[in-house]
PDB file of N, CA and C in Angstrom:
ATOM      1  N   MET A   1      63.065 100.722 106.396  1.00  0.00           N
ATOM      2  CA  MET A   1      61.812  99.993 106.289  1.00  0.00           C
ATOM      3  C   MET A   1      61.078 100.011 107.625  1.00  0.00           C
ATOM      4  N   ALA A   2      59.766 100.092 107.529  1.00  0.00           N
ATOM      5  CA  ALA A   2      58.914 100.089 108.715  1.00  0.00           C
ATOM      6  C   ALA A   2      57.795  99.077 108.518  1.00  0.00           C
ATOM      7  N   ILE A   3      57.308  98.554 109.614  1.00  0.00           N
ATOM      8  CA  ILE A   3      56.158  97.653 109.556  1.00  0.00           C
ATOM      9  C   ILE A   3      54.908  98.500 109.340  1.00  0.00           C
ATOM     10  N   VAL A   4      54.132  98.156 108.313  1.00  0.00           N
ATOM     11  CA  VAL A   4      52.897  98.890 108.025  1.00  0.00           C
ATOM     12  C   VAL A   4      51.651  98.043 108.284  1.00  0.00           C
ATOM     13  N   GLY A   5      51.843  96.777 108.611  1.00  0.00           N
ATOM     14  CA  GLY A   5      50.709  95.911 108.918  1.00  0.00           C
ATOM     15  C   GLY A   5      51.164  94.579 109.461  1.00  0.00           C
ATOM     16  N   ILE A   6      50.366  94.023 110.353  1.00  0.00           N
ATOM     17  CA  ILE A   6      50.638  92.686 110.887  1.00  0.00           C
ATOM     18  C   ILE A   6      49.296  91.997 111.125  1.00  0.00           C
ATOM     19  N   GLY A   7      49.232  90.718 110.802  1.00  0.00           N
ATOM     20  CA  GLY A   7      48.002  89.966 111.001  1.00  0.00           C
ATOM     21  C   GLY A   7      48.292  88.513 111.324  1.00  0.00           C
ATOM     22  N   THR A   8      47.438  87.917 112.135  1.00  0.00           N
ATOM     23  CA  THR A   8      47.561  86.506 112.518  1.00  0.00           C
ATOM     24  C   THR A   8      46.185  85.858 112.432  1.00  0.00           C
ATOM     25  N   ASP A   9      46.163  84.588 112.055  1.00  0.00           N
ATOM     26  CA  ASP A   9      44.906  83.846 112.045  1.00  0.00           C
ATOM     27  C   ASP A   9      45.188  82.397 112.410  1.00  0.00           C
ATOM     28  N   ILE A  10      44.211  81.772 113.032  1.00  0.00           N
ATOM     29  CA  ILE A  10      44.304  80.357 113.392  1.00  0.00           C
ATOM     30  C   ILE A  10      43.030  79.661 112.920  1.00  0.00           C
ATOM     31  N   VAL A  11      43.180  78.448 112.411  1.00  0.00           N
ATOM     32  CA  VAL A  11      42.056  77.686 111.865  1.00  0.00           C
ATOM     33  C   VAL A  11      42.082  76.279 112.447  1.00  0.00           C
ATOM     34  N   GLU A  12      40.929  75.801 112.856  1.00  0.00           N
ATOM     35  CA  GLU A  12      40.805  74.417 113.304  1.00  0.00           C
ATOM     36  C   GLU A  12      40.678  73.537 112.057  1.00  0.00           C
ATOM     37  N   ILE A  13      41.617  72.642 111.868  1.00  0.00           N
ATOM     38  CA  ILE A  13      41.673  71.823 110.656  1.00  0.00           C
ATOM     39  C   ILE A  13      40.417  70.963 110.510  1.00  0.00           C
ATOM     40  N   ALA A  14      39.890  70.454 111.604  1.00  0.00           N
ATOM     41  CA  ALA A  14      38.682  69.617 111.543  1.00  0.00           C
ATOM     42  C   ALA A  14      37.493  70.387 110.970  1.00  0.00           C
ATOM     43  N   ARG A  15      37.409  71.686 111.256  1.00  0.00           N
ATOM     44  CA  ARG A  15      36.310  72.500 110.701  1.00  0.00           C
ATOM     45  C   ARG A  15      36.379  72.549 109.183  1.00  0.00           C
ATOM     46  N   ILE A  16      37.590  72.654 108.660  1.00  0.00           N
ATOM     47  CA  ILE A  16      37.775  72.651 107.207  1.00  0.00           C
ATOM     48  C   ILE A  16      37.363  71.284 106.656  1.00  0.00           C
ATOM     49  N   GLY A  17      37.738  70.219 107.361  1.00  0.00           N
ATOM     50  CA  GLY A  17      37.351  68.872 106.941  1.00  0.00           C
ATOM     51  C   GLY A  17      35.841  68.688 106.918  1.00  0.00           C
ATOM     52  N   GLU A  18      35.159  69.231 107.929  1.00  0.00           N
ATOM     53  CA  GLU A  18      33.692  69.137 107.984  1.00  0.00           C
ATOM     54  C   GLU A  18      33.062  69.884 106.811  1.00  0.00           C
ATOM     55  N   GLN A  19      33.578  71.075 106.523  1.00  0.00           N
ATOM     56  CA  GLN A  19      33.041  71.845 105.394  1.00  0.00           C
ATOM     57  C   GLN A  19      33.316  71.140 104.075  1.00  0.00           C
ATOM     58  N   ARG A  20      34.472  70.522 103.973  1.00  0.00           N
ATOM     59  CA  ARG A  20      34.813  69.796 102.746  1.00  0.00           C
ATOM     60  C   ARG A  20      33.868  68.609 102.543  1.00  0.00           C
ATOM     61  N   GLN A  21      33.538  67.908 103.620  1.00  0.00           N
ATOM     62  CA  GLN A  21      32.594  66.788 103.513  1.00  0.00           C
ATOM     63  C   GLN A  21      31.211  67.278 103.106  1.00  0.00           C
ATOM     64  N   ARG A  22      30.800  68.415 103.647  1.00  0.00           N
ATOM     65  CA  ARG A  22      29.470  68.960 103.376  1.00  0.00           C
ATOM     66  C   ARG A  22      29.374  69.620 102.004  1.00  0.00           C
ATOM     67  N   LEU A  23      30.419  70.361 101.615  1.00  0.00           N
ATOM     68  CA  LEU A  23      30.356  71.194 100.413  1.00  0.00           C
ATOM     69  C   LEU A  23      31.257  70.734  99.276  1.00  0.00           C
ATOM     70  N   GLY A  24      32.001  69.663  99.488  1.00  0.00           N
ATOM     71  CA  GLY A  24      32.964  69.241  98.469  1.00  0.00           C
ATOM     72  C   GLY A  24      34.082  70.269  98.372  1.00  0.00           C
ATOM     73  N   ASP A  25      34.468  70.597  97.165  1.00  0.00           N
ATOM     74  CA  ASP A  25      35.583  71.524  96.959  1.00  0.00           C
ATOM     75  C   ASP A  25      35.135  72.972  96.762  1.00  0.00           C
ATOM     76  N   ARG A  26      33.894  73.297  97.110  1.00  0.00           N
ATOM     77  CA  ARG A  26      33.408  74.678  96.917  1.00  0.00           C
ATOM     78  C   ARG A  26      34.215  75.694  97.714  1.00  0.00           C
ATOM     79  N   LEU A  27      34.544  75.380  98.962  1.00  0.00           N
ATOM     80  CA  LEU A  27      35.344  76.299  99.770  1.00  0.00           C
ATOM     81  C   LEU A  27      36.727  76.475  99.155  1.00  0.00           C
ATOM     82  N   ALA A  28      37.332  75.379  98.738  1.00  0.00           N
ATOM     83  CA  ALA A  28      38.662  75.454  98.122  1.00  0.00           C
ATOM     84  C   ALA A  28      38.632  76.334  96.878  1.00  0.00           C
ATOM     85  N   LYS A  29      37.604  76.198  96.071  1.00  0.00           N
ATOM     86  CA  LYS A  29      37.509  76.991  94.838  1.00  0.00           C
ATOM     87  C   LYS A  29      37.289  78.469  95.128  1.00  0.00           C
ATOM     88  N   ARG A  30      36.692  78.776  96.268  1.00  0.00           N
ATOM     89  CA  ARG A  30      36.478  80.181  96.646  1.00  0.00           C
ATOM     90  C   ARG A  30      37.750  80.797  97.227  1.00  0.00           C
ATOM     91  N   VAL A  31      38.520  80.002  97.970  1.00  0.00           N
ATOM     92  CA  VAL A  31      39.680  80.519  98.697  1.00  0.00           C
ATOM     93  C   VAL A  31      40.957  80.491  97.860  1.00  0.00           C
ATOM     94  N   LEU A  32      41.155  79.441  97.088  1.00  0.00           N
ATOM     95  CA  LEU A  32      42.436  79.213  96.421  1.00  0.00           C
ATOM     96  C   LEU A  32      42.480  79.806  95.015  1.00  0.00           C
ATOM     97  N   THR A  33      43.666  80.293  94.633  1.00  0.00           N
ATOM     98  CA  THR A  33      43.885  80.714  93.254  1.00  0.00           C
ATOM     99  C   THR A  33      43.993  79.462  92.391  1.00  0.00           C
ATOM    100  N   GLU A  34      44.027  79.641  91.102  1.00  0.00           N
ATOM    101  CA  GLU A  34      44.072  78.501  90.181  1.00  0.00           C
ATOM    102  C   GLU A  34      45.270  77.589  90.454  1.00  0.00           C
ATOM    103  N   SER A  35      46.451  78.171  90.625  1.00  0.00           N
ATOM    104  CA  SER A  35      47.637  77.335  90.863  1.00  0.00           C
ATOM    105  C   SER A  35      47.598  76.694  92.249  1.00  0.00           C
ATOM    106  N   GLU A  36      47.065  77.407  93.244  1.00  0.00           N
ATOM    107  CA  GLU A  36      46.917  76.821  94.578  1.00  0.00           C
ATOM    108  C   GLU A  36      45.928  75.658  94.544  1.00  0.00           C
ATOM    109  N   LEU A  37      44.859  75.820  93.777  1.00  0.00           N
ATOM    110  CA  LEU A  37      43.851  74.766  93.657  1.00  0.00           C
ATOM    111  C   LEU A  37      44.459  73.509  93.040  1.00  0.00           C
ATOM    112  N   ALA A  38      45.318  73.675  92.052  1.00  0.00           N
ATOM    113  CA  ALA A  38      45.985  72.525  91.431  1.00  0.00           C
ATOM    114  C   ALA A  38      46.833  71.778  92.462  1.00  0.00           C
ATOM    115  N   THR A  39      47.540  72.514  93.308  1.00  0.00           N
ATOM    116  CA  THR A  39      48.351  71.891  94.361  1.00  0.00           C
ATOM    117  C   THR A  39      47.452  71.194  95.376  1.00  0.00           C
ATOM    118  N   TYR A  40      46.372  71.843  95.756  1.00  0.00           N
ATOM    119  CA  TYR A  40      45.402  71.278  96.704  1.00  0.00           C
ATOM    120  C   TYR A  40      44.848  69.947  96.194  1.00  0.00           C
ATOM    121  N   LEU A  41      44.489  69.908  94.926  1.00  0.00           N
ATOM    122  CA  LEU A  41      43.896  68.695  94.350  1.00  0.00           C
ATOM    123  C   LEU A  41      44.881  67.527  94.319  1.00  0.00           C
ATOM    124  N   GLN A  42      46.183  67.820  94.355  1.00  0.00           N
ATOM    125  CA  GLN A  42      47.216  66.783  94.372  1.00  0.00           C
ATOM    126  C   GLN A  42      47.692  66.449  95.789  1.00  0.00           C
ATOM    127  N   SER A  43      47.236  67.214  96.765  1.00  0.00           N
ATOM    128  CA  SER A  43      47.730  67.082  98.132  1.00  0.00           C
ATOM    129  C   SER A  43      47.286  65.767  98.772  1.00  0.00           C
ATOM    130  N   LYS A  44      48.188  65.183  99.565  1.00  0.00           N
ATOM    131  CA  LYS A  44      47.857  63.979 100.331  1.00  0.00           C
ATOM    132  C   LYS A  44      47.045  64.330 101.581  1.00  0.00           C
ATOM    133  N   GLN A  45      47.093  65.604 101.989  1.00  0.00           N
ATOM    134  CA  GLN A  45      46.335  66.082 103.145  1.00  0.00           C
ATOM    135  C   GLN A  45      45.595  67.364 102.752  1.00  0.00           C
ATOM    136  N   PRO A  46      44.550  67.244 101.937  1.00  0.00           N
ATOM    137  CA  PRO A  46      43.890  68.441 101.405  1.00  0.00           C
ATOM    138  C   PRO A  46      43.283  69.355 102.477  1.00  0.00           C
ATOM    139  N   GLU A  47      42.716  68.791 103.545  1.00  0.00           N
ATOM    140  CA  GLU A  47      42.137  69.638 104.590  1.00  0.00           C
ATOM    141  C   GLU A  47      43.214  70.483 105.252  1.00  0.00           C
ATOM    142  N   ARG A  48      44.350  69.884 105.525  1.00  0.00           N
ATOM    143  CA  ARG A  48      45.469  70.594 106.155  1.00  0.00           C
ATOM    144  C   ARG A  48      45.991  71.686 105.219  1.00  0.00           C
ATOM    145  N   PHE A  49      46.148  71.359 103.930  1.00  0.00           N
ATOM    146  CA  PHE A  49      46.613  72.343 102.946  1.00  0.00           C
ATOM    147  C   PHE A  49      45.655  73.532 102.903  1.00  0.00           C
ATOM    148  N   LEU A  50      44.356  73.250 102.817  1.00  0.00           N
ATOM    149  CA  LEU A  50      43.363  74.316 102.721  1.00  0.00           C
ATOM    150  C   LEU A  50      43.313  75.137 104.007  1.00  0.00           C
ATOM    151  N   ALA A  51      43.404  74.490 105.149  1.00  0.00           N
ATOM    152  CA  ALA A  51      43.396  75.211 106.429  1.00  0.00           C
ATOM    153  C   ALA A  51      44.577  76.172 106.514  1.00  0.00           C
ATOM    154  N   LYS A  52      45.748  75.730 106.084  1.00  0.00           N
ATOM    155  CA  LYS A  52      46.926  76.601 106.135  1.00  0.00           C
ATOM    156  C   LYS A  52      46.784  77.777 105.180  1.00  0.00           C
ATOM    157  N   ARG A  53      46.277  77.541 103.976  1.00  0.00           N
ATOM    158  CA  ARG A  53      46.085  78.637 103.017  1.00  0.00           C
ATOM    159  C   ARG A  53      45.001  79.599 103.501  1.00  0.00           C
ATOM    160  N   PHE A  54      43.934  79.053 104.082  1.00  0.00           N
ATOM    161  CA  PHE A  54      42.865  79.902 104.611  1.00  0.00           C
ATOM    162  C   PHE A  54      43.420  80.808 105.707  1.00  0.00           C
ATOM    163  N   ALA A  55      44.155  80.235 106.659  1.00  0.00           N
ATOM    164  CA  ALA A  55      44.748  81.026 107.745  1.00  0.00           C
ATOM    165  C   ALA A  55      45.701  82.077 107.190  1.00  0.00           C
ATOM    166  N   ALA A  56      46.498  81.702 106.193  1.00  0.00           N
ATOM    167  CA  ALA A  56      47.464  82.632 105.607  1.00  0.00           C
ATOM    168  C   ALA A  56      46.766  83.822 104.955  1.00  0.00           C
ATOM    169  N   LYS A  57      45.712  83.555 104.217  1.00  0.00           N
ATOM    170  CA  LYS A  57      45.010  84.634 103.514  1.00  0.00           C
ATOM    171  C   LYS A  57      44.233  85.518 104.489  1.00  0.00           C
ATOM    172  N   GLU A  58      43.645  84.930 105.515  1.00  0.00           N
ATOM    173  CA  GLU A  58      42.973  85.731 106.543  1.00  0.00           C
ATOM    174  C   GLU A  58      43.989  86.609 107.273  1.00  0.00           C
ATOM    175  N   ALA A  59      45.161  86.053 107.600  1.00  0.00           N
ATOM    176  CA  ALA A  59      46.205  86.840 108.263  1.00  0.00           C
ATOM    177  C   ALA A  59      46.661  87.992 107.370  1.00  0.00           C
ATOM    178  N   ALA A  60      46.807  87.730 106.083  1.00  0.00           N
ATOM    179  CA  ALA A  60      47.219  88.776 105.143  1.00  0.00           C
ATOM    180  C   ALA A  60      46.166  89.874 105.066  1.00  0.00           C
ATOM    181  N   ALA A  61      44.898  89.490 105.003  1.00  0.00           N
ATOM    182  CA  ALA A  61      43.818  90.480 104.933  1.00  0.00           C
ATOM    183  C   ALA A  61      43.763  91.323 106.211  1.00  0.00           C
ATOM    184  N   LYS A  62      44.040  90.706 107.346  1.00  0.00           N
ATOM    185  CA  LYS A  62      44.093  91.457 108.604  1.00  0.00           C
ATOM    186  C   LYS A  62      45.272  92.423 108.595  1.00  0.00           C
ATOM    187  N   ALA A  63      46.415  91.981 108.078  1.00  0.00           N
ATOM    188  CA  ALA A  63      47.584  92.861 107.985  1.00  0.00           C
ATOM    189  C   ALA A  63      47.299  94.056 107.083  1.00  0.00           C
ATOM    190  N   LEU A  64      46.498  93.845 106.052  1.00  0.00           N
ATOM    191  CA  LEU A  64      46.112  94.937 105.157  1.00  0.00           C
ATOM    192  C   LEU A  64      45.104  95.879 105.813  1.00  0.00           C
ATOM    193  N   GLY A  65      44.504  95.440 106.915  1.00  0.00           N
ATOM    194  CA  GLY A  65      43.552  96.271 107.639  1.00  0.00           C
ATOM    195  C   GLY A  65      42.140  96.224 107.098  1.00  0.00           C
ATOM    196  N   THR A  66      41.869  95.299 106.214  1.00  0.00           N
ATOM    197  CA  THR A  66      40.547  95.225 105.599  1.00  0.00           C
ATOM    198  C   THR A  66      39.773  93.981 105.985  1.00  0.00           C
ATOM    199  N   GLY A  67      40.467  92.895 106.275  1.00  0.00           N
ATOM    200  CA  GLY A  67      39.811  91.605 106.330  1.00  0.00           C
ATOM    201  C   GLY A  67      39.428  91.231 104.905  1.00  0.00           C
ATOM    202  N   ILE A  68      38.815  90.075 104.744  1.00  0.00           N
ATOM    203  CA  ILE A  68      38.333  89.686 103.414  1.00  0.00           C
ATOM    204  C   ILE A  68      37.049  90.469 103.161  1.00  0.00           C
ATOM    205  N   GLY A  69      36.976  91.086 102.031  1.00  0.00           N
ATOM    206  CA  GLY A  69      35.881  91.998 101.711  1.00  0.00           C
ATOM    207  C   GLY A  69      36.462  93.398 101.584  1.00  0.00           C
ATOM    208  N   ARG A  70      35.615  94.388 101.402  1.00  0.00           N
ATOM    209  CA  ARG A  70      36.082  95.773 101.282  1.00  0.00           C
ATOM    210  C   ARG A  70      37.199  95.903 100.250  1.00  0.00           C
ATOM    211  N   GLY A  71      37.002  95.241  99.103  1.00  0.00           N
ATOM    212  CA  GLY A  71      37.953  95.369  98.002  1.00  0.00           C
ATOM    213  C   GLY A  71      39.039  94.318  97.954  1.00  0.00           C
ATOM    214  N   VAL A  72      39.138  93.482  98.971  1.00  0.00           N
ATOM    215  CA  VAL A  72      40.170  92.438  99.022  1.00  0.00           C
ATOM    216  C   VAL A  72      39.475  91.079  99.064  1.00  0.00           C
ATOM    217  N   SER A  73      39.823  90.201  98.125  1.00  0.00           N
ATOM    218  CA  SER A  73      39.246  88.852  98.123  1.00  0.00           C
ATOM    219  C   SER A  73      40.351  87.817  98.319  1.00  0.00           C
ATOM    220  N   PHE A  74      39.943  86.605  98.631  1.00  0.00           N
ATOM    221  CA  PHE A  74      40.901  85.508  98.749  1.00  0.00           C
ATOM    222  C   PHE A  74      41.731  85.378  97.474  1.00  0.00           C
ATOM    223  N   GLN A  75      41.108  85.633  96.335  1.00  0.00           N
ATOM    224  CA  GLN A  75      41.783  85.467  95.041  1.00  0.00           C
ATOM    225  C   GLN A  75      42.862  86.516  94.803  1.00  0.00           C
ATOM    226  N   HIS A  76      42.885  87.585  95.588  1.00  0.00           N
ATOM    227  CA  HIS A  76      43.884  88.647  95.435  1.00  0.00           C
ATOM    228  C   HIS A  76      45.148  88.369  96.241  1.00  0.00           C
ATOM    229  N   ILE A  77      45.164  87.271  96.978  1.00  0.00           N
ATOM    230  CA  ILE A  77      46.306  86.908  97.829  1.00  0.00           C
ATOM    231  C   ILE A  77      46.767  85.521  97.407  1.00  0.00           C
ATOM    232  N   HIS A  78      48.014  85.426  96.958  1.00  0.00           N
ATOM    233  CA  HIS A  78      48.543  84.149  96.475  1.00  0.00           C
ATOM    234  C   HIS A  78      49.690  83.698  97.378  1.00  0.00           C
ATOM    235  N   ILE A  79      49.608  82.469  97.842  1.00  0.00           N
ATOM    236  CA  ILE A  79      50.644  81.875  98.687  1.00  0.00           C
ATOM    237  C   ILE A  79      51.333  80.781  97.888  1.00  0.00           C
ATOM    238  N   ASP A  80      52.653  80.832  97.876  1.00  0.00           N
ATOM    239  CA  ASP A  80      53.454  79.834  97.173  1.00  0.00           C
ATOM    240  C   ASP A  80      54.603  79.446  98.089  1.00  0.00           C
ATOM    241  N   ASN A  81      55.495  78.613  97.601  1.00  0.00           N
ATOM    242  CA  ASN A  81      56.679  78.227  98.367  1.00  0.00           C
ATOM    243  C   ASN A  81      57.914  78.393  97.506  1.00  0.00           C
ATOM    244  N   ASP A  82      59.024  78.796  98.147  1.00  0.00           N
ATOM    245  CA  ASP A  82      60.279  78.889  97.407  1.00  0.00           C
ATOM    246  C   ASP A  82      60.898  77.496  97.269  1.00  0.00           C
ATOM    247  N   ALA A  83      62.070  77.431  96.670  1.00  0.00           N
ATOM    248  CA  ALA A  83      62.725  76.144  96.407  1.00  0.00           C
ATOM    249  C   ALA A  83      63.019  75.364  97.688  1.00  0.00           C
ATOM    250  N   ASN A  84      63.143  76.062  98.810  1.00  0.00           N
ATOM    251  CA  ASN A  84      63.418  75.405 100.088  1.00  0.00           C
ATOM    252  C   ASN A  84      62.151  75.088 100.876  1.00  0.00           C
ATOM    253  N   GLY A  85      60.998  75.445 100.328  1.00  0.00           N
ATOM    254  CA  GLY A  85      59.732  75.172 100.991  1.00  0.00           C
ATOM    255  C   GLY A  85      59.196  76.317 101.835  1.00  0.00           C
ATOM    256  N   ALA A  86      59.959  77.402 101.961  1.00  0.00           N
ATOM    257  CA  ALA A  86      59.495  78.548 102.751  1.00  0.00           C
ATOM    258  C   ALA A  86      58.329  79.230 102.036  1.00  0.00           C
ATOM    259  N   PRO A  87      57.316  79.647 102.778  1.00  0.00           N
ATOM    260  CA  PRO A  87      56.165  80.288 102.132  1.00  0.00           C
ATOM    261  C   PRO A  87      56.493  81.691 101.630  1.00  0.00           C
ATOM    262  N   LEU A  88      55.872  82.035 100.517  1.00  0.00           N
ATOM    263  CA  LEU A  88      55.983  83.360  99.904  1.00  0.00           C
ATOM    264  C   LEU A  88      54.578  83.901  99.723  1.00  0.00           C
ATOM    265  N   ILE A  89      54.433  85.217  99.769  1.00  0.00           N
ATOM    266  CA  ILE A  89      53.123  85.835  99.593  1.00  0.00           C
ATOM    267  C   ILE A  89      53.201  86.870  98.476  1.00  0.00           C
ATOM    268  N   ARG A  90      52.147  86.884  97.658  1.00  0.00           N
ATOM    269  CA  ARG A  90      52.067  87.846  96.551  1.00  0.00           C
ATOM    270  C   ARG A  90      50.659  88.432  96.543  1.00  0.00           C
ATOM    271  N   PHE A  91      50.586  89.740  96.306  1.00  0.00           N
ATOM    272  CA  PHE A  91      49.311  90.452  96.284  1.00  0.00           C
ATOM    273  C   PHE A  91      48.988  90.905  94.871  1.00  0.00           C
ATOM    274  N   THR A  92      47.708  90.838  94.494  1.00  0.00           N
ATOM    275  CA  THR A  92      47.244  91.346  93.205  1.00  0.00           C
ATOM    276  C   THR A  92      45.956  92.135  93.433  1.00  0.00           C
ATOM    277  N   ASP A  93      45.525  92.829  92.405  1.00  0.00           N
ATOM    278  CA  ASP A  93      44.228  93.504  92.375  1.00  0.00           C
ATOM    279  C   ASP A  93      43.976  94.342  93.634  1.00  0.00           C
ATOM    280  N   GLY A  94      42.844  94.122  94.298  1.00  0.00           N
ATOM    281  CA  GLY A  94      42.474  94.936  95.453  1.00  0.00           C
ATOM    282  C   GLY A  94      43.457  94.833  96.605  1.00  0.00           C
ATOM    283  N   ALA A  95      44.050  93.667  96.813  1.00  0.00           N
ATOM    284  CA  ALA A  95      45.031  93.502  97.889  1.00  0.00           C
ATOM    285  C   ALA A  95      46.293  94.306  97.589  1.00  0.00           C
ATOM    286  N   LEU A  96      46.723  94.298  96.338  1.00  0.00           N
ATOM    287  CA  LEU A  96      47.897  95.083  95.948  1.00  0.00           C
ATOM    288  C   LEU A  96      47.609  96.577  96.080  1.00  0.00           C
ATOM    289  N   ALA A  97      46.427  97.002  95.672  1.00  0.00           N
ATOM    290  CA  ALA A  97      46.053  98.418  95.799  1.00  0.00           C
ATOM    291  C   ALA A  97      46.073  98.849  97.264  1.00  0.00           C
ATOM    292  N   ARG A  98      45.557  97.998  98.155  1.00  0.00           N
ATOM    293  CA  ARG A  98      45.555  98.323  99.585  1.00  0.00           C
ATOM    294  C   ARG A  98      46.978  98.356 100.135  1.00  0.00           C
ATOM    295  N   LEU A  99      47.826  97.420  99.721  1.00  0.00           N
ATOM    296  CA  LEU A  99      49.227  97.417 100.148  1.00  0.00           C
ATOM    297  C   LEU A  99      49.895  98.733  99.746  1.00  0.00           C
ATOM    298  N   GLU A 100      49.642  99.180  98.533  1.00  0.00           N
ATOM    299  CA  GLU A 100      50.221 100.436  98.054  1.00  0.00           C
ATOM    300  C   GLU A 100      49.673 101.630  98.833  1.00  0.00           C
ATOM    301  N   GLN A 101      48.390 101.602  99.223  1.00  0.00           N
ATOM    302  CA  GLN A 101      47.817 102.671 100.059  1.00  0.00           C
ATOM    303  C   GLN A 101      48.551 102.782 101.385  1.00  0.00           C
ATOM    304  N   LEU A 102      49.008 101.647 101.892  1.00  0.00           N
ATOM    305  CA  LEU A 102      49.744 101.612 103.158  1.00  0.00           C
ATOM    306  C   LEU A 102      51.219 101.959 102.970  1.00  0.00           C
ATOM    307  N   SER A 103      51.616 102.249 101.735  1.00  0.00           N
ATOM    308  CA  SER A 103      53.025 102.457 101.368  1.00  0.00           C
ATOM    309  C   SER A 103      53.841 101.194 101.596  1.00  0.00           C
ATOM    310  N   GLY A 104      53.176 100.053 101.511  1.00  0.00           N
ATOM    311  CA  GLY A 104      53.862  98.775 101.680  1.00  0.00           C
ATOM    312  C   GLY A 104      54.550  98.342 100.401  1.00  0.00           C
ATOM    313  N   ARG A 105      55.661  97.658 100.562  1.00  0.00           N
ATOM    314  CA  ARG A 105      56.403  97.147  99.413  1.00  0.00           C
ATOM    315  C   ARG A 105      56.427  95.625  99.383  1.00  0.00           C
ATOM    316  N   CYS A 106      56.434  95.001 100.554  1.00  0.00           N
ATOM    317  CA  CYS A 106      56.565  93.541 100.567  1.00  0.00           C
ATOM    318  C   CYS A 106      55.901  92.956 101.806  1.00  0.00           C
ATOM    319  N   GLY A 107      55.639  91.663 101.728  1.00  0.00           N
ATOM    320  CA  GLY A 107      55.042  90.948 102.839  1.00  0.00           C
ATOM    321  C   GLY A 107      55.856  89.716 103.188  1.00  0.00           C
ATOM    322  N   PHE A 108      55.889  89.408 104.452  1.00  0.00           N
ATOM    323  CA  PHE A 108      56.559  88.208 104.942  1.00  0.00           C
ATOM    324  C   PHE A 108      55.518  87.353 105.646  1.00  0.00           C
ATOM    325  N   ILE A 109      55.637  86.042 105.465  1.00  0.00           N
ATOM    326  CA  ILE A 109      54.618  85.148 106.007  1.00  0.00           C
ATOM    327  C   ILE A 109      55.254  83.940 106.681  1.00  0.00           C
ATOM    328  N   SER A 110      54.639  83.526 107.768  1.00  0.00           N
ATOM    329  CA  SER A 110      55.007  82.287 108.447  1.00  0.00           C
ATOM    330  C   SER A 110      53.732  81.477 108.622  1.00  0.00           C
ATOM    331  N   ILE A 111      53.808  80.200 108.275  1.00  0.00           N
ATOM    332  CA  ILE A 111      52.657  79.300 108.391  1.00  0.00           C
ATOM    333  C   ILE A 111      53.105  78.077 109.184  1.00  0.00           C
ATOM    334  N   ALA A 112      52.283  77.658 110.135  1.00  0.00           N
ATOM    335  CA  ALA A 112      52.600  76.460 110.916  1.00  0.00           C
ATOM    336  C   ALA A 112      51.321  75.658 111.127  1.00  0.00           C
ATOM    337  N   ASP A 113      51.505  74.370 111.351  1.00  0.00           N
ATOM    338  CA  ASP A 113      50.361  73.536 111.687  1.00  0.00           C
ATOM    339  C   ASP A 113      50.790  72.505 112.707  1.00  0.00           C
ATOM    340  N   GLU A 114      49.823  72.098 113.473  1.00  0.00           N
ATOM    341  CA  GLU A 114      49.978  71.090 114.500  1.00  0.00           C
ATOM    342  C   GLU A 114      48.840  70.120 114.281  1.00  0.00           C
ATOM    343  N   GLN A 115      48.670  69.176 115.133  1.00  0.00           N
ATOM    344  CA  GLN A 115      47.662  68.142 114.928  1.00  0.00           C
ATOM    345  C   GLN A 115      46.273  68.712 114.626  1.00  0.00           C
ATOM    346  N   HIS A 116      45.836  69.723 115.375  1.00  0.00           N
ATOM    347  CA  HIS A 116      44.462  70.205 115.251  1.00  0.00           C
ATOM    348  C   HIS A 116      44.312  71.586 114.621  1.00  0.00           C
ATOM    349  N   TYR A 117      45.411  72.336 114.504  1.00  0.00           N
ATOM    350  CA  TYR A 117      45.304  73.733 114.094  1.00  0.00           C
ATOM    351  C   TYR A 117      46.336  74.112 113.046  1.00  0.00           C
ATOM    352  N   ALA A 118      45.961  75.114 112.250  1.00  0.00           N
ATOM    353  CA  ALA A 118      46.887  75.772 111.330  1.00  0.00           C
ATOM    354  C   ALA A 118      46.896  77.245 111.721  1.00  0.00           C
ATOM    355  N   VAL A 119      48.073  77.858 111.698  1.00  0.00           N
ATOM    356  CA  VAL A 119      48.211  79.256 112.090  1.00  0.00           C
ATOM    357  C   VAL A 119      49.133  79.960 111.103  1.00  0.00           C
ATOM    358  N   ALA A 120      48.874  81.236 110.877  1.00  0.00           N
ATOM    359  CA  ALA A 120      49.724  82.023 109.981  1.00  0.00           C
ATOM    360  C   ALA A 120      49.851  83.438 110.518  1.00  0.00           C
ATOM    361  N   THR A 121      51.013  84.030 110.282  1.00  0.00           N
ATOM    362  CA  THR A 121      51.272  85.425 110.615  1.00  0.00           C
ATOM    363  C   THR A 121      51.856  86.097 109.391  1.00  0.00           C
ATOM    364  N   VAL A 122      51.371  87.303 109.094  1.00  0.00           N
ATOM    365  CA  VAL A 122      51.859  88.093 107.968  1.00  0.00           C
ATOM    366  C   VAL A 122      52.325  89.445 108.496  1.00  0.00           C
ATOM    367  N   VAL A 123      53.510  89.862 108.053  1.00  0.00           N
ATOM    368  CA  VAL A 123      54.057  91.180 108.368  1.00  0.00           C
ATOM    369  C   VAL A 123      54.269  91.906 107.052  1.00  0.00           C
ATOM    370  N   LEU A 124      53.764  93.142 106.966  1.00  0.00           N
ATOM    371  CA  LEU A 124      53.930  93.972 105.775  1.00  0.00           C
ATOM    372  C   LEU A 124      54.931  95.075 106.084  1.00  0.00           C
ATOM    373  N   GLU A 125      55.863  95.300 105.150  1.00  0.00           N
ATOM    374  CA  GLU A 125      56.878  96.335 105.336  1.00  0.00           C
ATOM    375  C   GLU A 125      56.810  97.369 104.228  1.00  0.00           C
ATOM    376  N   SER A 126      57.234  98.585 104.592  1.00  0.00           N
ATOM    377  CA  SER A 126      57.305  99.667 103.607  1.00  0.00           C
ATOM    378  C   SER A 126      58.647  99.628 102.896  1.00  0.00           C
TER     379      SER A 126
END
């Protein structure tokens, strides 16, 4: 196995909070998949949840070498958690097609947050 892509992103949680106050849940509906949105709506810290998912998806898009756009949308990248709470990443549609172009088979993700920031790193392997 070889690394075929790596991406990192950092998000200021307060910025997400400001957008949420201004736009309501419009940003969440654009960024999150249906199941992620359901989790977000139940979250005790929705801004933090959204900031972490936003950072994760931006990091994944950077690892794919496209960024968001150019055939890859937020909706093509799904972040979930395993039974122990570790994050998992799944690609569909344009993101999956790009992963296959890179001869990638799987992605690994790490997400962290601190008082003011959320950060994520994605590594893609062949």
